[in-house]
C-alpha atoms as a PDB file:
ATOM      1  CA  MET A   1     -10.845 -61.212  24.357  1.00  0.00           C
ATOM      2  CA  ARG A   2     -14.231 -59.545  24.812  1.00  0.00           C
ATOM      3  CA  VAL A   3     -12.740 -56.822  27.054  1.00  0.00           C
ATOM      4  CA  ALA A   4     -10.097 -56.063  24.419  1.00  0.00           C
ATOM      5  CA  ARG A   5     -12.777 -55.770  21.732  1.00  0.00           C
ATOM      6  CA  VAL A   6     -14.794 -53.351  23.909  1.00  0.00           C
ATOM      7  CA  ALA A   7     -11.671 -51.307  24.654  1.00  0.00           C
ATOM      8  CA  VAL A   8     -10.761 -51.093  20.955  1.00  0.00           C
ATOM      9  CA  THR A   9     -14.335 -50.105  20.061  1.00  0.00           C
ATOM     10  CA  ALA A  10     -14.387 -47.440  22.754  1.00  0.00           C
ATOM     11  CA  GLY A  11     -11.005 -46.145  21.586  1.00  0.00           C
ATOM     12  CA  LEU A  12     -12.217 -45.952  17.998  1.00  0.00           C
ATOM     13  CA  LEU A  13     -15.347 -44.074  19.091  1.00  0.00           C
ATOM     14  CA  VAL A  14     -13.300 -41.562  21.067  1.00  0.00           C
ATOM     15  CA  ALA A  15     -10.877 -41.114  18.164  1.00  0.00           C
ATOM     16  CA  SER A  16     -13.778 -40.678  15.733  1.00  0.00           C
ATOM     17  CA  ALA A  17     -15.343 -38.060  17.979  1.00  0.00           C
ATOM     18  CA  GLY A  18     -12.010 -36.254  18.122  1.00  0.00           C
ATOM     19  CA  VAL A  19     -11.666 -36.289  14.333  1.00  0.00           C
ATOM     20  CA  VAL A  20     -15.217 -35.032  13.890  1.00  0.00           C
ATOM     21  CA  GLY A  21     -14.563 -32.274  16.430  1.00  0.00           C
ATOM     22  CA  ALA A  22     -11.321 -31.281  14.690  1.00  0.00           C
ATOM     23  CA  VAL A  23     -13.007 -31.167  11.281  1.00  0.00           C
ATOM     24  CA  HIS A  24     -15.834 -29.096  12.730  1.00  0.00           C
ATOM     25  CA  ALA A  25     -13.388 -26.676  14.360  1.00  0.00           C
ATOM     26  CA  ALA A  26     -11.331 -26.372  11.165  1.00  0.00           C
ATOM     27  CA  THR A  27     -14.439 -25.681   9.093  1.00  0.00           C
ATOM     28  CA  ARG A  28     -15.710 -23.112  11.570  1.00  0.00           C
ATOM     29  CA  LEU A  29     -12.299 -21.456  11.737  1.00  0.00           C
ATOM     30  CA  ASP A  30     -12.169 -21.229   7.954  1.00  0.00           C
ATOM     31  CA  ARG A  31     -15.634 -19.641   7.868  1.00  0.00           C
ATOM     32  CA  LEU A  32     -14.619 -17.181  10.577  1.00  0.00           C
ATOM     33  CA  HIS A  33     -11.519 -16.150   8.643  1.00  0.00           C
ATOM     34  CA  VAL A  34     -13.655 -15.604   5.539  1.00  0.00           C
ATOM     35  CA  ARG A  35     -16.125 -13.592   7.641  1.00  0.00           C
ATOM     36  CA  THR A  36     -13.301 -11.485   9.070  1.00  0.00           C
ATOM     37  CA  ASP A  37     -11.930 -10.802   5.591  1.00  0.00           C
ATOM     38  CA  ALA A  38     -15.367  -9.824   4.298  1.00  0.00           C
ATOM     39  CA  ALA A  39     -15.970  -7.594   7.313  1.00  0.00           C
ATOM     40  CA  TRP A  40     -12.607  -5.896   6.726  1.00  0.00           C
ATOM     41  CA  ALA A  41     -13.545  -5.256   3.087  1.00  0.00           C
ATOM     42  CA  ALA A  42     -16.830  -3.684   4.223  1.00  0.00           C
ATOM     43  CA  LEU A  43     -15.051  -1.579   6.853  1.00  0.00           C
ATOM     44  CA  ASP A  44     -12.484  -0.442   4.316  1.00  0.00           C
ATOM     45  CA  ALA A  45     -15.259   0.556   1.905  1.00  0.00           C
ATOM     46  CA  ALA A  46     -17.075   2.458   4.656  1.00  0.00           C
ATOM     47  CA  LEU A  47     -13.896   4.305   5.616  1.00  0.00           C
ATOM     48  CA  VAL A  48     -13.249   5.277   2.002  1.00  0.00           C
ATOM     49  CA  ARG A  49     -16.869   6.378   1.650  1.00  0.00           C
ATOM     50  CA  ARG A  50     -16.506   8.613   4.710  1.00  0.00           C
ATOM     51  CA  ALA A  51     -13.309  10.133   3.321  1.00  0.00           C
ATOM     52  CA  HIS A  52     -15.073  10.776  -0.008  1.00  0.00           C
ATOM     53  CA  ALA A  53     -17.972  12.434   1.834  1.00  0.00           C
ATOM     54  CA  VAL A  54     -15.538  14.727   3.643  1.00  0.00           C
ATOM     55  CA  SER A  55     -13.650  15.586   0.471  1.00  0.00           C
ATOM     56  CA  ARG A  56     -16.932  16.506  -1.292  1.00  0.00           C
ATOM     57  CA  LEU A  57     -17.754  18.986   1.490  1.00  0.00           C
ATOM     58  CA  GLY A  58     -15.183  21.400   0.160  1.00  0.00           C
ATOM     59  CA  CYS A  59     -13.520  21.927   3.525  1.00  0.00           C
ATOM     60  CA  GLY A  60      -9.964  23.114   3.529  1.00  0.00           C
ATOM     61  CA  GLY A  61      -6.978  22.909   5.796  1.00  0.00           C
ATOM     62  CA  ALA A  62      -6.311  20.035   8.133  1.00  0.00           C
ATOM     63  CA  LEU A  63      -9.638  18.308   7.486  1.00  0.00           C
ATOM     64  CA  ARG A  64      -9.020  18.216   3.726  1.00  0.00           C
ATOM     65  CA  ARG A  65      -5.493  16.854   4.250  1.00  0.00           C
ATOM     66  CA  ALA A  66      -6.836  14.202   6.658  1.00  0.00           C
ATOM     67  CA  ALA A  67      -9.505  13.171   4.131  1.00  0.00           C
ATOM     68  CA  ASP A  68      -6.926  12.972   1.329  1.00  0.00           C
ATOM     69  CA  THR A  69      -4.622  10.898   3.532  1.00  0.00           C
ATOM     70  CA  ALA A  70      -7.506   8.579   4.465  1.00  0.00           C
ATOM     71  CA  LEU A  71      -8.417   8.169   0.800  1.00  0.00           C
ATOM     72  CA  LEU A  72      -4.811   7.387  -0.006  1.00  0.00           C
ATOM     73  CA  ALA A  73      -4.588   4.915   2.893  1.00  0.00           C
ATOM     74  CA  GLY A  74      -7.597   3.065   1.513  1.00  0.00           C
ATOM     75  CA  ALA A  75      -6.196   3.021  -2.006  1.00  0.00           C
ATOM     76  CA  HIS A  76      -4.489   0.084  -3.649  1.00  0.00           C
ATOM     77  CA  PRO A  77      -0.760  -0.110  -2.766  1.00  0.00           C
ATOM     78  CA  ALA A  78       0.220   0.577  -6.385  1.00  0.00           C
ATOM     79  CA  LEU A  79      -1.662   3.894  -6.219  1.00  0.00           C
ATOM     80  CA  ARG A  80       0.237   4.883  -3.067  1.00  0.00           C
ATOM     81  CA  ALA A  81       3.623   4.422  -4.748  1.00  0.00           C
ATOM     82  CA  GLY A  82       4.329   8.108  -5.282  1.00  0.00           C
ATOM     83  CA  SER A  83       2.834   9.337  -2.023  1.00  0.00           C
ATOM     84  CA  GLU A  84       4.237  10.116   1.393  1.00  0.00           C
ATOM     85  CA  LEU A  85       2.448   7.077   2.865  1.00  0.00           C
ATOM     86  CA  PRO A  86       4.305   3.788   3.097  1.00  0.00           C
ATOM     87  CA  ILE A  87       3.499   1.299   0.361  1.00  0.00           C
ATOM     88  CA  ARG A  88       2.266  -1.243   2.875  1.00  0.00           C
ATOM     89  CA  ILE A  89       0.212   0.576   5.464  1.00  0.00           C
ATOM     90  CA  GLY A  90      -0.894  -1.789   8.199  1.00  0.00           C
ATOM     91  CA  VAL A  91      -3.918  -1.785  10.470  1.00  0.00           C
ATOM     92  CA  VAL A  92      -2.138   0.362  13.062  1.00  0.00           C
ATOM     93  CA  GLY A  93      -1.189   2.980  10.465  1.00  0.00           C
ATOM     94  CA  ARG A  94      -4.695   2.967   9.076  1.00  0.00           C
ATOM     95  CA  GLU A  95      -6.094   3.475  12.584  1.00  0.00           C
ATOM     96  CA  GLU A  96      -3.899   6.555  13.010  1.00  0.00           C
ATOM     97  CA  VAL A  97      -4.999   7.993   9.670  1.00  0.00           C
ATOM     98  CA  GLU A  98      -8.677   7.384  10.369  1.00  0.00           C
ATOM     99  CA  ASN A  99      -8.415   8.757  13.913  1.00  0.00           C
ATOM    100  CA  GLU A 100      -6.862  11.944  12.510  1.00  0.00           C
ATOM    101  CA  LEU A 101      -9.844  12.293  10.180  1.00  0.00           C
ATOM    102  CA  GLY A 102     -12.189  11.553  13.083  1.00  0.00           C
ATOM    103  CA  ARG A 103     -10.580  14.287  15.195  1.00  0.00           C
ATOM    104  CA  GLY A 104     -11.077  16.732  12.341  1.00  0.00           C
ATOM    105  CA  LEU A 105     -14.711  15.717  12.014  1.00  0.00           C
ATOM    106  CA  ALA A 106     -15.260  16.095  15.751  1.00  0.00           C
ATOM    107  CA  VAL A 107     -14.491  19.814  15.591  1.00  0.00           C
ATOM    108  CA  LEU A 108     -16.287  20.422  12.288  1.00  0.00           C
ATOM    109  CA  ASP A 109     -19.140  22.912  12.480  1.00  0.00           C
ATOM    110  CA  ARG A 110     -21.893  20.949  10.752  1.00  0.00           C
ATOM    111  CA  HIS A 111     -24.417  23.760  10.862  1.00  0.00           C
ATOM    112  CA  GLY A 112     -22.586  25.563   8.082  1.00  0.00           C
ATOM    113  CA  LEU A 113     -22.749  22.576   5.731  1.00  0.00           C
ATOM    114  CA  ASP A 114     -25.314  22.138   3.011  1.00  0.00           C
ATOM    115  CA  ALA A 115     -28.092  19.708   3.911  1.00  0.00           C
ATOM    116  CA  ALA A 116     -27.152  17.074   1.326  1.00  0.00           C
ATOM    117  CA  GLY A 117     -23.494  17.087   2.356  1.00  0.00           C
ATOM    118  CA  ALA A 118     -24.386  16.872   6.045  1.00  0.00           C
ATOM    119  CA  ARG A 119     -26.707  13.928   5.404  1.00  0.00           C
ATOM    120  CA  ALA A 120     -24.083  12.148   3.291  1.00  0.00           C
ATOM    121  CA  LEU A 121     -21.462  12.671   5.981  1.00  0.00           C
ATOM    122  CA  ALA A 122     -23.775  11.485   8.759  1.00  0.00           C
ATOM    123  CA  ASP A 123     -24.688   8.405   6.737  1.00  0.00           C
ATOM    124  CA  ALA A 124     -21.047   7.640   6.004  1.00  0.00           C
ATOM    125  CA  GLU A 125     -20.128   8.015   9.681  1.00  0.00           C
ATOM    126  CA  GLN A 126     -22.941   5.691  10.752  1.00  0.00           C
ATOM    127  CA  ARG A 127     -21.795   3.118   8.212  1.00  0.00           C
ATOM    128  CA  VAL A 128     -18.254   3.292   9.599  1.00  0.00           C
ATOM    129  CA  VAL A 129     -19.534   2.722  13.133  1.00  0.00           C
ATOM    130  CA  ILE A 130     -21.595  -0.306  12.071  1.00  0.00           C
ATOM    131  CA  ALA A 131     -18.864  -1.770   9.847  1.00  0.00           C
ATOM    132  CA  ARG A 132     -16.250  -1.386  12.600  1.00  0.00           C
ATOM    133  CA  ARG A 133     -18.474  -3.156  15.102  1.00  0.00           C
ATOM    134  CA  VAL A 134     -19.178  -6.006  12.666  1.00  0.00           C
ATOM    135  CA  TYR A 135     -15.462  -6.346  11.913  1.00  0.00           C
ATOM    136  CA  ASN A 136     -14.467  -6.312  15.591  1.00  0.00           C
ATOM    137  CA  ASP A 137     -17.157  -8.913  16.344  1.00  0.00           C
ATOM    138  CA  ALA A 138     -15.719 -11.148  13.630  1.00  0.00           C
ATOM    139  CA  VAL A 139     -12.212 -10.655  15.026  1.00  0.00           C
ATOM    140  CA  ARG A 140     -13.432 -11.477  18.550  1.00  0.00           C
ATOM    141  CA  ASP A 141     -15.086 -14.709  17.382  1.00  0.00           C
ATOM    142  CA  THR A 142     -12.038 -15.734  15.348  1.00  0.00           C
ATOM    143  CA  LEU A 143      -9.633 -15.077  18.206  1.00  0.00           C
ATOM    144  CA  ALA A 144     -11.885 -16.958  20.619  1.00  0.00           C
ATOM    145  CA  LEU A 145     -11.871 -20.070  18.444  1.00  0.00           C
ATOM    146  CA  ARG A 146      -8.153 -19.789  17.747  1.00  0.00           C
ATOM    147  CA  SER A 147      -7.504 -19.769  21.505  1.00  0.00           C
ATOM    148  CA  HIS A 148      -9.055 -23.232  21.955  1.00  0.00           C
ATOM    149  CA  ARG A 149      -6.561 -25.878  22.929  1.00  0.00           C
ATOM    150  CA  MET A 150      -7.441 -28.295  20.104  1.00  0.00           C
ATOM    151  CA  VAL A 151      -7.088 -25.559  17.477  1.00  0.00           C
ATOM    152  CA  ARG A 152      -3.670 -24.576  18.839  1.00  0.00           C
ATOM    153  CA  TRP A 153      -2.370 -28.128  19.291  1.00  0.00           C
ATOM    154  CA  LEU A 154      -3.483 -29.332  15.883  1.00  0.00           C
ATOM    155  CA  ARG A 155      -2.465 -26.015  14.291  1.00  0.00           C
ATOM    156  CA  LEU A 156      -5.807 -25.766  12.530  1.00  0.00           C
ATOM    157  CA  ALA A 157      -5.300 -22.075  11.766  1.00  0.00           C
ATOM    158  CA  GLY A 158      -2.351 -22.912   9.539  1.00  0.00           C
ATOM    159  CA  THR A 159      -0.284 -19.886   8.597  1.00  0.00           C
ATOM    160  CA  ALA A 160      -3.132 -17.383   8.727  1.00  0.00           C
ATOM    161  CA  PRO A 161      -2.116 -14.299  10.678  1.00  0.00           C
ATOM    162  CA  LEU A 162      -4.018 -13.382  13.805  1.00  0.00           C
ATOM    163  CA  PRO A 163      -6.643 -10.768  13.038  1.00  0.00           C
ATOM    164  CA  ARG A 164      -6.403  -7.461  14.905  1.00  0.00           C
ATOM    165  CA  TYR A 165      -9.141  -5.297  16.291  1.00  0.00           C
ATOM    166  CA  PHE A 166      -9.660  -1.974  14.499  1.00  0.00           C
ATOM    167  CA  GLU A 167      -9.868   0.716  17.138  1.00  0.00           C
ATOM    168  CA  ILE A 168     -10.896   4.204  16.141  1.00  0.00           C
ATOM    169  CA  ALA A 169     -12.828   6.833  18.010  1.00  0.00           C
ATOM    170  CA  GLU A 170     -16.518   6.745  17.200  1.00  0.00           C
ATOM    171  CA  PRO A 171     -18.386  10.008  16.745  1.00  0.00           C
ATOM    172  CA  MET A 172     -20.978  10.939  19.318  1.00  0.00           C
ATOM    173  CA  PRO A 173     -24.513   9.965  18.233  1.00  0.00           C
ATOM    174  CA  SER A 174     -25.755  13.523  18.773  1.00  0.00           C
ATOM    175  CA  ASP A 175     -23.233  14.685  16.156  1.00  0.00           C
ATOM    176  CA  TYR A 176     -24.944  12.682  13.447  1.00  0.00           C
ATOM    177  CA  GLY A 177     -27.714  15.213  13.032  1.00  0.00           C
ATOM    178  CA  LEU A 178     -30.216  12.455  12.309  1.00  0.00           C
ATOM    179  CA  GLU A 179     -32.970  11.111  14.509  1.00  0.00           C
ATOM    180  CA  LEU A 180     -32.471   7.464  15.303  1.00  0.00           C
ATOM    181  CA  ASP A 181     -36.131   6.639  15.990  1.00  0.00           C
ATOM    182  CA  GLY A 182     -37.671   8.963  13.411  1.00  0.00           C
ATOM    183  CA  ALA A 183     -40.086  10.380  16.001  1.00  0.00           C
ATOM    184  CA  GLY A 184     -38.131  13.593  16.529  1.00  0.00           C
ATOM    185  CA  ALA A 185     -37.449  12.853  20.198  1.00  0.00           C
END
């Protein structure tokens, strides 16, 4: 009788620990999905800001078309209705658009730009780099938690789609034109 009572108590403790662990994992997963969504919104805003900075430079040709396409890719789907871009552009399509703009910026002669435009562009590019890293960190953390056995078995992620990394080429730090330490070295 006493052994049965101890076994039941131990079973209830193990089950309680499992429930607490599942609730903790579900709460953390929810917070990570919110963090990933917020990081995507910040990355999207940084990408649009960069495209605006390029379009204000007054460049023509391929760079202007790439900036216009990037602005359109970041626009609301209803605004893209009459454009050549698909109504629902996914992460992969957005990566292609932003990489095309990045390739145009890589060959841009920044010495011919006005100082204010060059500073705005450098700032926008730095913000894209930081926002992309924050977003990819959030994706990494979310995917790591979603790969845990308990999360998969209990289907704690629900119907939320798996987040994807956003991979674009980052500009070289020397192309920014700004000193990182402020000391001029």
